[in-house]
Each structure stands twice: as C-alpha cells, then as structure tokens.
Protein backbone atom coordinates (compact mmCIF):
# COMPACT_ATOMS: atom_id res chain seq x y z
CA MET A 1 35.76 23.01 25.38
CA GLN A 2 37.88 22.39 22.29
CA ALA A 3 34.80 22.10 20.02
CA THR A 4 33.41 25.46 21.09
CA SER A 5 36.72 27.26 20.56
CA THR A 6 37.13 25.93 17.01
CA ARG A 7 33.49 26.47 15.98
CA PRO A 8 33.77 30.28 15.58
CA LEU A 9 36.99 29.84 13.60
CA LEU A 10 35.38 27.26 11.28
CA LYS A 11 32.23 29.37 10.89
CA THR A 12 34.30 32.44 10.02
CA ARG A 13 36.36 30.54 7.46
CA VAL A 14 33.29 28.97 5.83
CA PHE A 15 31.47 32.29 5.58
CA THR A 16 34.62 34.01 4.32
CA LEU A 17 34.84 31.40 1.57
CA ILE A 18 31.14 31.85 0.72
CA VAL A 19 31.57 35.63 0.55
CA ILE A 20 34.60 35.35 -1.73
CA LEU A 21 33.12 32.72 -4.09
CA ALA A 22 29.70 34.37 -4.32
CA ASN A 23 31.38 37.70 -5.15
CA VAL A 24 33.74 36.27 -7.79
CA LEU A 25 31.14 34.06 -9.46
CA GLY A 26 28.38 36.67 -9.18
CA ASP A 27 30.47 39.40 -10.80
CA SER A 28 31.76 37.02 -13.49
CA PHE A 29 28.29 35.74 -14.43
CA LEU A 30 26.91 39.27 -14.38
CA ARG A 31 29.66 40.35 -16.77
CA MET A 32 28.97 37.40 -19.09
CA GLY A 33 25.29 38.25 -19.19
CA MET A 34 25.85 41.95 -19.75
CA ARG A 35 28.13 41.15 -22.67
CA GLN A 36 25.17 39.33 -24.24
CA VAL A 37 22.70 42.09 -23.34
CA GLY A 38 24.93 44.88 -24.65
CA PRO A 39 25.25 48.44 -23.43
CA ILE A 40 22.32 49.92 -21.57
CA VAL A 41 22.26 53.41 -22.98
CA SER A 42 18.83 54.52 -21.84
CA ALA A 43 17.66 55.16 -18.32
CA SER A 44 14.49 53.25 -19.08
CA PRO A 45 13.50 50.70 -16.44
CA LEU A 46 12.49 48.42 -19.31
CA ALA A 47 16.15 48.14 -20.39
CA TYR A 48 17.10 46.87 -16.93
CA VAL A 49 14.16 44.46 -16.76
CA THR A 50 15.24 43.08 -20.14
CA ALA A 51 18.78 42.65 -18.80
CA PHE A 52 17.46 40.77 -15.74
CA LEU A 53 15.78 38.28 -18.08
CA ASN A 54 19.18 37.12 -19.32
CA PRO A 55 19.98 33.85 -17.47
CA TRP A 56 23.61 34.82 -16.77
CA VAL A 57 22.52 38.16 -15.34
CA ALA A 58 19.86 36.47 -13.17
CA VAL A 59 22.37 33.97 -11.78
CA GLY A 60 24.94 36.72 -11.23
CA VAL A 61 22.47 38.90 -9.35
CA SER A 62 21.32 35.92 -7.25
CA LEU A 63 24.92 35.14 -6.28
CA LEU A 64 25.52 38.80 -5.41
CA VAL A 65 22.45 38.69 -3.13
CA LEU A 66 23.99 35.62 -1.46
CA TRP A 67 27.26 37.57 -1.21
CA MET A 68 25.52 40.46 0.55
CA LEU A 69 23.67 38.24 3.04
CA SER A 70 26.81 36.23 3.83
CA HIS A 71 28.84 39.40 4.14
CA MET A 72 26.32 40.83 6.60
CA ALA A 73 26.43 37.65 8.68
CA LEU A 74 30.23 37.61 8.67
CA LEU A 75 30.40 41.25 9.74
CA SER A 76 28.04 40.50 12.64
CA TRP A 77 30.73 38.50 14.46
CA ALA A 78 34.11 39.34 12.89
CA ASP A 79 35.93 42.66 12.85
CA LEU A 80 35.60 44.90 9.80
CA SER A 81 39.39 45.30 9.87
CA TYR A 82 39.64 41.52 9.32
CA VAL A 83 36.69 40.86 6.98
CA LEU A 84 37.34 43.48 4.31
CA PRO A 85 41.05 42.81 3.82
CA VAL A 86 40.61 39.02 3.81
CA THR A 87 37.66 39.04 1.43
CA SER A 88 39.49 41.43 -0.88
CA ILE A 89 41.23 38.35 -2.32
CA GLY A 90 38.04 38.29 -4.39
CA TYR A 91 39.41 41.25 -6.35
CA ALA A 92 42.41 39.18 -7.37
CA LEU A 93 40.24 36.19 -8.22
CA VAL A 94 37.86 38.34 -10.30
CA ALA A 95 40.81 39.62 -12.33
CA LEU A 96 42.05 36.06 -12.79
CA ALA A 97 38.57 34.85 -13.82
CA GLY A 98 38.24 37.79 -16.21
CA HIS A 99 41.54 36.94 -17.80
CA LEU A 100 41.05 33.16 -17.99
CA PHE A 101 37.35 32.81 -18.72
CA LEU A 102 36.26 36.15 -20.19
CA HIS A 103 39.50 36.68 -22.14
CA GLU A 104 40.05 40.16 -20.76
CA ALA A 105 43.48 41.73 -21.05
CA VAL A 106 45.12 42.40 -17.68
CA SER A 107 48.13 44.69 -17.77
CA LEU A 108 51.36 44.18 -15.87
CA THR A 109 50.44 47.14 -13.65
CA ARG A 110 47.16 45.44 -12.69
CA TRP A 111 48.92 42.13 -11.97
CA THR A 112 51.36 44.02 -9.73
CA GLY A 113 48.47 45.57 -7.83
CA ILE A 114 46.83 42.15 -7.55
CA LEU A 115 50.03 40.71 -6.05
CA LEU A 116 50.02 43.52 -3.47
CA ILE A 117 46.42 42.68 -2.58
CA VAL A 118 47.30 39.00 -2.20
CA GLY A 119 50.23 39.90 0.06
CA GLY A 120 47.95 42.04 2.23
CA VAL A 121 45.38 39.26 2.45
CA ILE A 122 48.07 36.84 3.60
CA LEU A 123 49.21 39.26 6.31
CA VAL A 124 45.71 40.02 7.58
CA GLY A 125 44.62 36.39 7.32
CA ARG A 126 47.28 35.42 9.83
CA THR A 127 45.69 37.63 12.52
CA GLU A 128 42.78 36.94 14.85
CA PHE A 129 39.40 37.51 13.21
CA ASN A 130 37.98 39.20 16.29
CA THR A 131 39.96 41.62 18.43
CA THR A 132 36.99 43.07 20.33
CA ALA A 133 36.78 41.74 23.87
CA PRO A 134 33.73 39.45 24.27
CA ALA A 135 32.48 41.44 27.30
CA ALA A 136 32.48 44.65 25.20
CA ARG A 137 30.34 43.13 22.44
CA LYS A 138 26.57 42.99 22.64
CA ASN A 139 25.24 39.56 21.61
C-alpha cells in the first residue's frame, strides 16, 4: 500500500521538474538562437523557416514541445491551482539563466518580483497536489 501512495507523489514531482527544466532550457536556447538570427521584421514565412534552421532555435523549440506535452500530462492528474504556481519557479530560473548565461541586466525591481514568486512557490509547494476527491474525478 505504501508504494501506491508514494507513486503519484513521485510522478508529480518528476513531471513538475521536467516541466520546469524544459521551459527554462527551451526559452534560454530559443533566446540564444534568436540573438544569432536577429530581428524578424517581415511577416514572411521564409524568415521563420530560416530562424528554425538555427540549431539553438531548433533545440529550444524541441524543448518547448516537451514542456507542453509534460505540462499537459501533469495537468491531467494534478490541480491547476497547484501546477501553475509551482511551475512558475521557472520564471525565476529563466531570469537567473538570462542574467548568468545570456548576460542580461536584471533590475532590483525584477529581482524583488522574482523573490515574491519564489515565496509563493514555496507556499504552494507545501500543499497537496490534488484536492479533488478521487470519486469526483473521471479516470
């Protein structure tokens, strides 16, 4: 009985980690690639196809596809009121990655907002990931 009660918790934590990492890495790689591509000023589909040919853009888009699929799976068994706040730690990690690896300037106001996000994630992360009664859910 113990193994079945910890399995959903482990599955939720693993998928939460996948969602967060795929989002942070996907956005960071996409940004690196788009810096190399430069501004897309025309609405031409050819400009976007050219951007997709950049390896960093391709990896970033692939990771964001993984993010979407993992996010969908996570939302299929955990409450939205848990998933979105907990995975929002990705916003803080994206800002940190932008600052450390992409050398972007992050203002004190942004860091303050990031600290508020982290505090909210800690609060929500301490709650149950599913508050809907099992009998009420359709499996």
